[in-house]
N, C-alpha and C. Protein backbone atom coordinates (compact mmCIF):
# COMPACT_ATOMS: atom_id res chain seq x y z
N MET A 1 0.82 -1.15 0.05
CA MET A 1 -0.01 -0.01 -0.04
C MET A 1 0.80 1.30 -0.02
N SER A 2 1.92 1.37 0.82
CA SER A 2 2.61 2.53 1.00
C SER A 2 3.41 2.80 -0.32
N THR A 3 3.73 1.90 -1.11
CA THR A 3 4.42 2.25 -2.40
C THR A 3 3.41 2.90 -3.34
N ASN A 4 2.15 2.77 -3.20
CA ASN A 4 1.21 3.39 -4.09
C ASN A 4 0.88 4.89 -3.68
N PHE A 5 1.36 5.36 -2.51
CA PHE A 5 1.13 6.55 -1.85
C PHE A 5 2.10 7.66 -2.58
N GLN A 6 1.62 8.57 -3.30
CA GLN A 6 2.29 9.62 -3.83
C GLN A 6 1.73 11.11 -3.68
N VAL A 7 2.51 11.91 -3.19
CA VAL A 7 2.08 13.30 -3.20
C VAL A 7 2.55 14.05 -4.39
N PRO A 8 1.59 14.51 -5.13
CA PRO A 8 2.07 15.27 -6.44
C PRO A 8 2.90 16.50 -6.00
N THR A 9 3.69 16.96 -6.83
CA THR A 9 4.58 18.15 -6.60
C THR A 9 3.61 19.34 -6.50
N GLU A 10 2.66 19.43 -7.33
CA GLU A 10 1.69 20.53 -7.28
C GLU A 10 0.48 20.01 -6.73
N VAL A 11 0.20 19.63 -5.44
CA VAL A 11 -0.85 18.97 -4.77
C VAL A 11 -1.97 20.14 -4.57
N SER A 12 -3.16 19.84 -4.93
CA SER A 12 -4.23 20.75 -4.71
C SER A 12 -4.76 20.52 -3.20
N PHE A 13 -5.52 21.53 -2.77
CA PHE A 13 -6.17 21.53 -1.50
C PHE A 13 -6.98 20.18 -1.34
N GLN A 14 -7.81 19.94 -2.31
CA GLN A 14 -8.75 18.70 -2.28
C GLN A 14 -7.97 17.32 -2.26
N LYS A 15 -6.83 17.32 -3.09
CA LYS A 15 -6.13 16.12 -3.01
C LYS A 15 -5.31 15.89 -1.81
N ALA A 16 -4.86 17.02 -1.14
CA ALA A 16 -4.26 17.02 0.12
C ALA A 16 -5.22 16.45 1.22
N LEU A 17 -6.34 16.93 1.09
CA LEU A 17 -7.42 16.42 2.12
C LEU A 17 -7.50 14.94 1.98
N SER A 18 -7.69 14.32 0.74
CA SER A 18 -7.84 12.91 0.61
C SER A 18 -6.55 12.21 0.92
N LEU A 19 -5.48 12.70 0.46
CA LEU A 19 -4.21 12.01 0.84
C LEU A 19 -3.94 11.83 2.39
N THR A 20 -4.22 13.01 3.09
CA THR A 20 -4.05 12.96 4.57
C THR A 20 -5.04 11.96 5.11
N GLN A 21 -6.23 11.88 4.72
CA GLN A 21 -7.19 10.97 5.20
C GLN A 21 -6.57 9.60 4.90
N ARG A 22 -6.14 9.25 3.80
CA ARG A 22 -5.79 7.96 3.37
C ARG A 22 -4.47 7.69 4.19
N LEU A 23 -3.66 8.63 4.34
CA LEU A 23 -2.37 8.38 5.12
C LEU A 23 -2.74 7.88 6.47
N PHE A 24 -3.55 8.62 7.24
CA PHE A 24 -3.89 8.08 8.52
C PHE A 24 -4.76 7.03 8.69
N SER A 25 -5.60 6.67 7.71
CA SER A 25 -6.38 5.48 7.71
C SER A 25 -5.53 4.18 7.53
N ASP A 26 -4.39 4.36 6.76
CA ASP A 26 -3.43 3.31 6.67
C ASP A 26 -2.14 3.44 7.21
N VAL A 27 -2.14 4.17 8.39
CA VAL A 27 -0.82 4.61 9.07
C VAL A 27 0.03 3.41 9.32
N GLU A 28 -0.53 2.31 9.73
CA GLU A 28 0.20 1.00 9.93
C GLU A 28 1.06 0.53 8.69
N GLN A 29 0.61 0.81 7.66
CA GLN A 29 1.18 0.51 6.47
C GLN A 29 2.71 1.08 6.12
N PHE A 30 2.85 2.14 6.86
CA PHE A 30 4.07 2.91 6.62
C PHE A 30 5.14 2.89 7.73
N THR A 31 6.40 2.90 7.41
CA THR A 31 7.49 2.98 8.25
C THR A 31 7.40 4.48 8.79
N PRO A 32 8.00 4.73 10.02
CA PRO A 32 8.22 6.13 10.44
C PRO A 32 8.78 6.95 9.39
N ALA A 33 9.80 6.59 8.80
CA ALA A 33 10.60 7.41 7.78
C ALA A 33 9.74 7.70 6.69
N THR A 34 9.10 6.79 6.22
CA THR A 34 8.07 6.92 5.03
C THR A 34 6.88 7.88 5.38
N LEU A 35 6.36 7.68 6.54
CA LEU A 35 5.29 8.53 7.15
C LEU A 35 5.77 10.11 7.19
N GLU A 36 6.95 10.24 7.82
CA GLU A 36 7.46 11.51 7.90
C GLU A 36 7.78 12.16 6.50
N SER A 37 8.27 11.41 5.63
CA SER A 37 8.44 11.85 4.12
C SER A 37 7.22 12.27 3.56
N HIS A 38 6.10 11.47 3.60
CA HIS A 38 4.79 11.94 3.06
C HIS A 38 4.33 13.09 3.71
N ILE A 39 4.41 13.24 4.87
CA ILE A 39 3.92 14.46 5.68
C ILE A 39 4.69 15.68 5.17
N ALA A 40 6.03 15.46 5.11
CA ALA A 40 6.98 16.62 4.70
C ALA A 40 6.52 16.99 3.25
N SER A 41 6.19 16.01 2.44
CA SER A 41 5.77 16.39 1.12
C SER A 41 4.48 17.18 1.00
N LEU A 42 3.50 16.78 1.93
CA LEU A 42 2.37 17.43 2.05
C LEU A 42 2.42 18.92 2.49
N VAL A 43 3.15 19.01 3.56
CA VAL A 43 3.22 20.48 4.20
C VAL A 43 4.35 21.32 3.44
N GLY A 44 4.89 20.75 2.39
CA GLY A 44 5.93 21.53 1.68
C GLY A 44 5.37 22.67 0.79
N SER A 45 3.99 22.53 0.72
CA SER A 45 3.37 23.71 0.01
C SER A 45 2.08 24.27 0.65
N ASN A 46 1.81 25.46 0.43
CA ASN A 46 0.76 25.95 1.29
C ASN A 46 -0.72 25.14 1.02
N LYS A 47 -0.90 24.82 -0.25
CA LYS A 47 -2.26 24.08 -0.46
C LYS A 47 -2.12 22.75 0.30
N GLY A 48 -0.94 21.98 0.16
CA GLY A 48 -0.76 20.69 0.81
C GLY A 48 -0.94 20.76 2.26
N ALA A 49 -0.27 21.76 2.81
CA ALA A 49 -0.35 21.93 4.32
C ALA A 49 -1.75 22.34 4.81
N ARG A 50 -2.37 23.17 4.03
CA ARG A 50 -3.75 23.53 4.41
C ARG A 50 -4.68 22.29 4.40
N GLY A 51 -4.52 21.43 3.36
CA GLY A 51 -5.29 20.29 3.26
C GLY A 51 -4.94 19.35 4.42
N PHE A 52 -3.65 19.22 4.65
CA PHE A 52 -3.17 18.37 5.86
C PHE A 52 -3.80 18.79 7.03
N PHE A 53 -3.63 20.11 7.54
CA PHE A 53 -4.22 20.46 8.73
C PHE A 53 -5.75 20.52 8.87
N ALA A 54 -6.42 20.76 7.65
CA ALA A 54 -7.86 20.67 7.61
C ALA A 54 -8.35 19.24 8.09
N THR A 55 -7.62 18.25 7.73
CA THR A 55 -7.90 16.95 7.93
C THR A 55 -7.45 16.53 9.29
N TYR A 56 -6.22 16.86 9.66
CA TYR A 56 -5.59 16.40 10.89
C TYR A 56 -6.02 17.00 12.08
N LEU A 57 -6.44 18.34 11.99
CA LEU A 57 -6.85 19.07 13.17
C LEU A 57 -8.42 18.86 13.44
N THR A 58 -9.10 18.40 12.56
CA THR A 58 -10.54 18.32 12.60
C THR A 58 -10.98 16.82 12.91
N ASN A 59 -9.97 15.98 12.95
CA ASN A 59 -10.30 14.47 13.12
C ASN A 59 -9.55 14.20 14.29
N ASP A 60 -10.02 12.98 15.13
CA ASP A 60 -9.35 12.54 16.16
C ASP A 60 -8.41 11.39 15.84
N PHE A 61 -7.18 11.88 15.76
CA PHE A 61 -6.11 10.93 15.49
C PHE A 61 -5.18 10.71 16.71
N SER A 62 -5.88 10.96 17.85
CA SER A 62 -5.06 10.89 19.16
C SER A 62 -4.60 9.42 19.38
N LEU A 63 -5.26 8.47 18.84
CA LEU A 63 -4.88 7.07 19.05
C LEU A 63 -3.92 6.48 17.93
N LEU A 64 -3.40 7.37 17.34
CA LEU A 64 -2.17 6.96 16.39
C LEU A 64 -1.01 6.46 17.27
N PRO A 65 -0.37 5.36 16.83
CA PRO A 65 0.74 4.87 17.47
C PRO A 65 1.85 5.89 17.77
N GLU A 66 2.56 5.73 18.83
CA GLU A 66 3.65 6.84 19.13
C GLU A 66 4.55 7.11 18.10
N MET A 67 4.96 6.00 17.25
CA MET A 67 5.93 6.28 16.26
C MET A 67 5.20 7.14 15.14
N ALA A 68 4.03 7.05 15.02
CA ALA A 68 3.22 8.03 13.95
C ALA A 68 3.43 9.30 14.49
N GLN A 69 3.06 9.46 15.84
CA GLN A 69 2.98 10.91 16.40
C GLN A 69 4.38 11.54 16.14
N LYS A 70 5.43 10.89 16.42
CA LYS A 70 6.83 11.26 16.33
C LYS A 70 7.18 11.79 14.76
N ALA A 71 6.55 10.82 13.84
CA ALA A 71 6.84 10.98 12.50
C ALA A 71 6.14 12.20 12.01
N ILE A 72 4.91 12.43 12.50
CA ILE A 72 4.07 13.64 12.05
C ILE A 72 4.87 14.86 12.56
N LEU A 73 5.39 14.99 13.77
CA LEU A 73 6.08 16.17 14.21
C LEU A 73 7.36 16.39 13.46
N GLN A 74 8.12 15.39 13.11
CA GLN A 74 9.28 15.46 12.23
C GLN A 74 8.89 16.03 10.90
N GLY A 75 7.89 15.43 10.27
CA GLY A 75 7.51 15.85 9.04
C GLY A 75 6.94 17.34 9.02
N LEU A 76 6.31 17.77 10.04
CA LEU A 76 5.90 19.23 10.23
C LEU A 76 7.16 20.16 10.28
N ARG A 77 8.17 19.66 10.95
CA ARG A 77 9.31 20.52 11.15
C ARG A 77 10.12 20.88 9.94
N THR A 78 9.76 20.14 8.77
CA THR A 78 10.53 20.27 7.63
C THR A 78 10.11 21.61 6.86
N SER A 79 8.94 22.06 7.23
CA SER A 79 8.53 23.38 6.45
C SER A 79 8.02 24.40 7.54
N PRO A 80 8.96 24.84 8.40
CA PRO A 80 8.72 25.58 9.55
C PRO A 80 7.82 26.94 9.25
N ASP A 81 8.15 27.60 8.08
CA ASP A 81 7.35 28.75 7.91
C ASP A 81 5.91 28.46 7.49
N ILE A 82 5.75 27.68 6.66
CA ILE A 82 4.21 27.28 6.15
C ILE A 82 3.60 26.68 7.36
N VAL A 83 4.21 25.79 8.13
CA VAL A 83 3.46 25.21 9.18
C VAL A 83 3.08 26.14 10.39
N ALA A 84 4.09 27.08 10.72
CA ALA A 84 3.95 28.09 11.65
C ALA A 84 2.74 29.00 11.38
N GLU A 85 2.72 29.40 10.21
CA GLU A 85 1.66 30.40 9.87
C GLU A 85 0.30 29.65 9.88
N LEU A 86 0.17 28.49 9.49
CA LEU A 86 -1.13 27.76 9.43
C LEU A 86 -1.53 27.29 10.78
N LEU A 87 -0.56 27.04 11.51
CA LEU A 87 -0.92 26.65 12.97
C LEU A 87 -1.44 27.83 13.78
N VAL A 88 -0.84 28.98 13.60
CA VAL A 88 -1.29 30.22 14.22
C VAL A 88 -2.79 30.59 13.82
N LYS A 89 -2.84 30.47 12.39
CA LYS A 89 -4.20 30.82 11.92
C LYS A 89 -5.20 29.85 12.25
N ASN A 90 -4.92 28.50 12.25
CA ASN A 90 -5.88 27.56 12.85
C ASN A 90 -6.23 27.78 14.28
N LEU A 91 -5.24 28.12 15.00
CA LEU A 91 -5.56 28.46 16.45
C LEU A 91 -6.59 29.55 16.59
N VAL A 92 -6.43 30.68 15.89
CA VAL A 92 -7.26 31.81 16.14
C VAL A 92 -8.58 31.63 15.44
N MET A 93 -8.51 31.00 14.16
CA MET A 93 -9.75 30.79 13.38
C MET A 93 -10.73 29.86 14.22
N SER A 94 -10.29 28.69 14.76
CA SER A 94 -11.14 27.85 15.41
C SER A 94 -11.57 28.43 16.71
N THR A 95 -10.85 29.42 17.31
CA THR A 95 -11.21 30.08 18.53
C THR A 95 -12.42 31.09 18.11
N ALA A 96 -12.29 31.74 17.00
CA ALA A 96 -13.36 32.59 16.47
C ALA A 96 -14.58 31.78 16.13
N MET A 97 -14.41 30.68 15.60
CA MET A 97 -15.60 29.84 15.08
C MET A 97 -16.28 29.25 16.39
N THR A 98 -15.52 28.99 17.38
CA THR A 98 -16.19 28.53 18.56
C THR A 98 -17.19 29.60 19.17
N LEU A 99 -16.86 30.80 19.05
CA LEU A 99 -17.74 31.86 19.48
C LEU A 99 -18.91 32.07 18.52
N THR A 100 -18.54 32.00 17.26
CA THR A 100 -19.69 32.19 16.11
C THR A 100 -20.70 31.07 16.33
N HIS A 101 -20.31 29.85 16.45
CA HIS A 101 -21.22 28.82 16.50
C HIS A 101 -21.96 28.84 17.96
N SER A 102 -21.35 29.31 18.96
CA SER A 102 -22.04 29.52 20.17
C SER A 102 -23.09 30.60 19.99
N ARG A 103 -22.81 31.68 19.38
CA ARG A 103 -23.79 32.79 19.05
C ARG A 103 -25.06 32.31 18.37
N GLN A 104 -24.67 31.33 17.41
CA GLN A 104 -25.77 30.83 16.45
C GLN A 104 -26.60 29.75 17.06
N GLY A 105 -26.31 29.43 18.33
CA GLY A 105 -27.03 28.31 18.98
C GLY A 105 -26.60 26.98 18.45
N ASN A 106 -25.45 26.76 18.12
CA ASN A 106 -25.15 25.52 17.52
C ASN A 106 -23.95 24.94 18.52
N PRO A 107 -24.37 24.29 19.58
CA PRO A 107 -23.27 23.78 20.49
C PRO A 107 -22.49 22.61 19.94
N GLU A 108 -22.98 21.82 19.00
CA GLU A 108 -22.19 20.76 18.52
C GLU A 108 -21.11 21.33 17.66
N MET A 109 -21.40 22.35 16.90
CA MET A 109 -20.33 22.92 16.03
C MET A 109 -19.33 23.64 16.78
N ALA A 110 -19.79 24.32 17.87
CA ALA A 110 -19.01 25.08 18.77
C ALA A 110 -18.01 24.13 19.38
N GLN A 111 -18.57 22.89 19.80
CA GLN A 111 -17.69 21.96 20.45
C GLN A 111 -16.39 21.41 19.49
N GLN A 112 -16.93 21.10 18.26
CA GLN A 112 -15.93 20.73 17.21
C GLN A 112 -14.93 21.82 16.96
N SER A 113 -15.30 23.10 16.91
CA SER A 113 -14.32 24.17 16.80
C SER A 113 -13.40 24.28 17.99
N GLN A 114 -13.88 24.10 19.17
CA GLN A 114 -13.12 23.98 20.43
C GLN A 114 -12.09 22.85 20.40
N GLN A 115 -12.61 21.60 19.90
CA GLN A 115 -11.67 20.64 19.75
C GLN A 115 -10.55 20.92 18.81
N THR A 116 -10.89 21.44 17.70
CA THR A 116 -9.86 21.83 16.73
C THR A 116 -8.91 22.80 17.37
N ARG A 117 -9.31 23.83 18.08
CA ARG A 117 -8.50 24.76 18.91
C ARG A 117 -7.59 23.96 19.77
N GLU A 118 -8.11 23.00 20.54
CA GLU A 118 -7.32 22.23 21.52
C GLU A 118 -6.34 21.35 20.77
N ARG A 119 -6.53 20.78 19.71
CA ARG A 119 -5.64 20.03 18.89
C ARG A 119 -4.59 20.82 18.34
N THR A 120 -5.03 22.04 17.88
CA THR A 120 -4.01 22.85 17.19
C THR A 120 -2.94 23.24 18.32
N ALA A 121 -3.49 23.76 19.54
CA ALA A 121 -2.58 24.11 20.61
C ALA A 121 -1.66 23.00 21.03
N ARG A 122 -2.17 21.71 21.06
CA ARG A 122 -1.32 20.54 21.37
C ARG A 122 -0.22 20.46 20.36
N VAL A 123 -0.61 20.62 19.07
CA VAL A 123 0.45 20.55 18.04
C VAL A 123 1.50 21.62 18.14
N ILE A 124 1.12 22.75 18.35
CA ILE A 124 1.98 23.83 18.62
C ILE A 124 2.96 23.57 19.65
N ASN A 125 2.48 23.11 20.88
CA ASN A 125 3.27 22.75 21.95
C ASN A 125 4.24 21.64 21.73
N GLN A 126 3.77 20.64 20.94
CA GLN A 126 4.68 19.49 20.64
C GLN A 126 5.70 19.73 19.59
N VAL A 127 5.39 20.56 18.51
CA VAL A 127 6.24 20.69 17.35
C VAL A 127 7.42 21.56 17.82
N LYS A 128 7.30 22.56 18.65
CA LYS A 128 8.31 23.40 19.21
C LYS A 128 9.16 24.07 18.05
N LEU A 129 8.51 24.87 17.30
CA LEU A 129 9.11 25.64 16.17
C LEU A 129 9.08 27.19 16.64
N SER A 130 10.22 27.64 16.60
CA SER A 130 10.40 29.11 16.96
C SER A 130 9.71 29.98 16.06
N THR A 131 9.41 29.47 14.72
CA THR A 131 8.72 30.28 13.83
C THR A 131 7.25 30.40 14.22
N VAL A 132 6.73 29.54 14.99
CA VAL A 132 5.41 29.66 15.55
C VAL A 132 5.19 30.85 16.43
N GLU A 133 6.13 31.00 17.37
CA GLU A 133 6.12 32.21 18.20
C GLU A 133 6.24 33.38 17.35
N ARG A 134 7.14 33.43 16.46
CA ARG A 134 7.30 34.68 15.50
C ARG A 134 5.96 35.00 14.91
N GLU A 135 5.26 33.99 14.31
CA GLU A 135 3.91 34.15 13.65
C GLU A 135 2.94 34.73 14.78
N ALA A 136 3.02 34.10 15.94
CA ALA A 136 1.95 34.47 16.97
C ALA A 136 2.21 35.92 17.41
N GLN A 137 3.39 36.26 17.49
CA GLN A 137 3.75 37.77 17.90
C GLN A 137 3.27 38.58 16.73
N GLN A 138 3.38 38.26 15.50
CA GLN A 138 2.87 39.13 14.34
C GLN A 138 1.37 39.23 14.37
N LEU A 139 0.79 38.13 14.62
CA LEU A 139 -0.66 38.11 14.78
C LEU A 139 -1.23 38.98 15.94
N TRP A 140 -0.42 38.71 17.12
CA TRP A 140 -0.85 39.63 18.19
C TRP A 140 -0.70 41.09 17.84
N GLN A 141 0.31 41.53 17.15
CA GLN A 141 0.54 42.87 16.84
C GLN A 141 -0.79 43.36 15.95
N SER A 142 -1.16 42.53 15.02
CA SER A 142 -2.24 42.97 14.19
C SER A 142 -3.57 42.93 14.97
N LEU A 143 -3.78 42.08 15.89
CA LEU A 143 -4.88 42.06 16.78
C LEU A 143 -5.00 43.30 17.72
N THR A 144 -3.95 43.71 18.17
CA THR A 144 -3.84 44.77 19.24
C THR A 144 -3.67 46.10 18.65
N THR A 145 -3.05 46.26 17.48
CA THR A 145 -2.84 47.52 16.91
C THR A 145 -3.56 47.85 15.61
N GLY A 146 -3.96 46.88 14.95
CA GLY A 146 -4.76 46.86 13.74
C GLY A 146 -3.67 47.18 12.49
N THR A 147 -2.44 46.91 12.78
CA THR A 147 -1.44 46.97 11.75
C THR A 147 -0.63 45.79 11.80
N GLY A 148 0.15 45.66 10.76
CA GLY A 148 1.07 44.34 10.76
C GLY A 148 0.65 43.44 9.68
N SER A 149 1.39 42.32 9.51
CA SER A 149 1.29 41.32 8.59
C SER A 149 -0.10 40.52 8.61
N TYR A 150 -0.67 40.46 9.63
CA TYR A 150 -1.98 39.87 9.77
C TYR A 150 -3.26 40.60 9.65
N THR A 151 -3.05 41.91 9.40
CA THR A 151 -4.15 42.82 9.35
C THR A 151 -5.16 42.47 8.23
N ALA A 152 -4.59 42.07 6.94
CA ALA A 152 -5.45 41.67 5.92
C ALA A 152 -6.21 40.42 6.17
N PHE A 153 -5.58 39.54 6.86
CA PHE A 153 -6.14 38.28 7.24
C PHE A 153 -7.36 38.49 8.16
N LEU A 154 -7.25 39.34 9.08
CA LEU A 154 -8.32 39.69 10.07
C LEU A 154 -9.47 40.48 9.45
N GLU A 155 -9.00 41.31 8.56
CA GLU A 155 -10.20 42.14 7.73
C GLU A 155 -10.86 41.25 6.75
N ARG A 156 -10.22 40.28 6.20
CA ARG A 156 -10.89 39.40 5.22
C ARG A 156 -11.90 38.58 5.92
N TRP A 157 -11.75 38.12 7.03
CA TRP A 157 -12.63 37.25 7.77
C TRP A 157 -13.48 38.10 8.58
N GLU A 158 -13.37 39.45 8.70
CA GLU A 158 -14.30 40.37 9.26
C GLU A 158 -14.57 40.01 10.81
N TYR A 159 -13.48 39.67 11.45
CA TYR A 159 -13.66 39.38 12.87
C TYR A 159 -14.14 40.53 13.66
N ASP A 160 -15.00 40.29 14.68
CA ASP A 160 -15.37 41.48 15.44
C ASP A 160 -14.52 41.58 16.77
N ASN A 161 -14.76 42.70 17.60
CA ASN A 161 -14.08 42.86 18.72
C ASN A 161 -13.98 41.70 19.80
N GLU A 162 -15.18 41.03 19.93
CA GLU A 162 -15.28 39.95 20.78
C GLU A 162 -14.45 38.82 20.45
N GLN A 163 -14.41 38.40 19.01
CA GLN A 163 -13.71 37.41 18.46
C GLN A 163 -12.17 37.67 18.56
N LYS A 164 -11.74 38.98 18.32
CA LYS A 164 -10.39 39.42 18.47
C LYS A 164 -9.97 39.18 19.93
N GLN A 165 -10.80 39.50 20.85
CA GLN A 165 -10.44 39.39 22.33
C GLN A 165 -10.22 37.86 22.75
N ALA A 166 -11.19 36.97 22.09
CA ALA A 166 -11.02 35.74 22.31
C ALA A 166 -9.77 35.09 21.75
N MET A 167 -9.44 35.55 20.53
CA MET A 167 -8.12 35.21 19.84
C MET A 167 -6.98 35.59 20.82
N GLN A 168 -6.93 36.82 21.35
CA GLN A 168 -5.93 37.32 22.15
C GLN A 168 -5.76 36.34 23.39
N LYS A 169 -6.90 36.09 24.05
CA LYS A 169 -6.90 35.12 25.08
C LYS A 169 -6.33 33.67 24.81
N SER A 170 -6.67 33.26 23.66
CA SER A 170 -6.21 31.95 23.07
C SER A 170 -4.74 31.97 23.01
N LEU A 171 -4.30 33.01 22.30
CA LEU A 171 -2.77 33.20 22.10
C LEU A 171 -2.00 33.28 23.44
N ARG A 172 -2.63 33.95 24.40
CA ARG A 172 -1.98 34.03 25.78
C ARG A 172 -1.94 32.69 26.43
N THR A 173 -2.95 32.00 26.20
CA THR A 173 -3.09 30.58 26.85
C THR A 173 -1.97 29.73 26.34
N VAL A 174 -1.87 29.62 24.97
CA VAL A 174 -1.09 28.75 24.22
C VAL A 174 0.43 29.18 24.53
N PHE A 175 0.74 30.47 24.62
CA PHE A 175 2.01 31.08 24.74
C PHE A 175 2.07 31.91 26.12
N PRO A 176 1.98 31.36 27.17
CA PRO A 176 1.81 32.07 28.48
C PRO A 176 3.06 32.86 28.82
N GLY A 177 2.85 34.08 28.84
CA GLY A 177 4.00 34.99 29.37
C GLY A 177 5.13 35.12 28.49
N GLU A 178 5.18 34.40 27.38
CA GLU A 178 6.34 34.40 26.41
C GLU A 178 6.39 35.48 25.43
N LEU A 179 5.39 36.00 25.12
CA LEU A 179 5.38 36.93 23.94
C LEU A 179 4.70 38.27 24.18
N TRP A 180 4.07 38.42 25.21
CA TRP A 180 3.30 39.73 25.38
C TRP A 180 3.87 40.72 26.43
């Protein structure tokens, strides 16, 4: 099975979603080195990494074998800039969506968003990339001053003040006392 697994050089978001699902469905078929290599290939591009995280952070893969958990983290470390940006965005987006779903009276979706936030926080703490802290600091600047590299991101999604405050709290929780 693992010999049939190929990540295209120009992987689409949709293809990355299905490849990630297949990768984790058949995780026992791969050696740690092969698993790490496939994950590195997925997260080596923005579309691939977005598809990887959309699947990985929204599904419960907590029961993966320890060797798989280590291979995942090693694979993520191969593209620190892409991974850091997407982890920070996933952290605050899932935080905002928890609030949005709660406002809309949808507790199941709010819980799913909260789980995604918790999984993202766990990956941030496990992957230990200094680039994640840099991205968090840049996002913090945009959240608190309305300027900086994440301003367009925040404006595009039209986050309100309550969502931005929740994002700040989430960042302070995941990075306690380190950045602010």
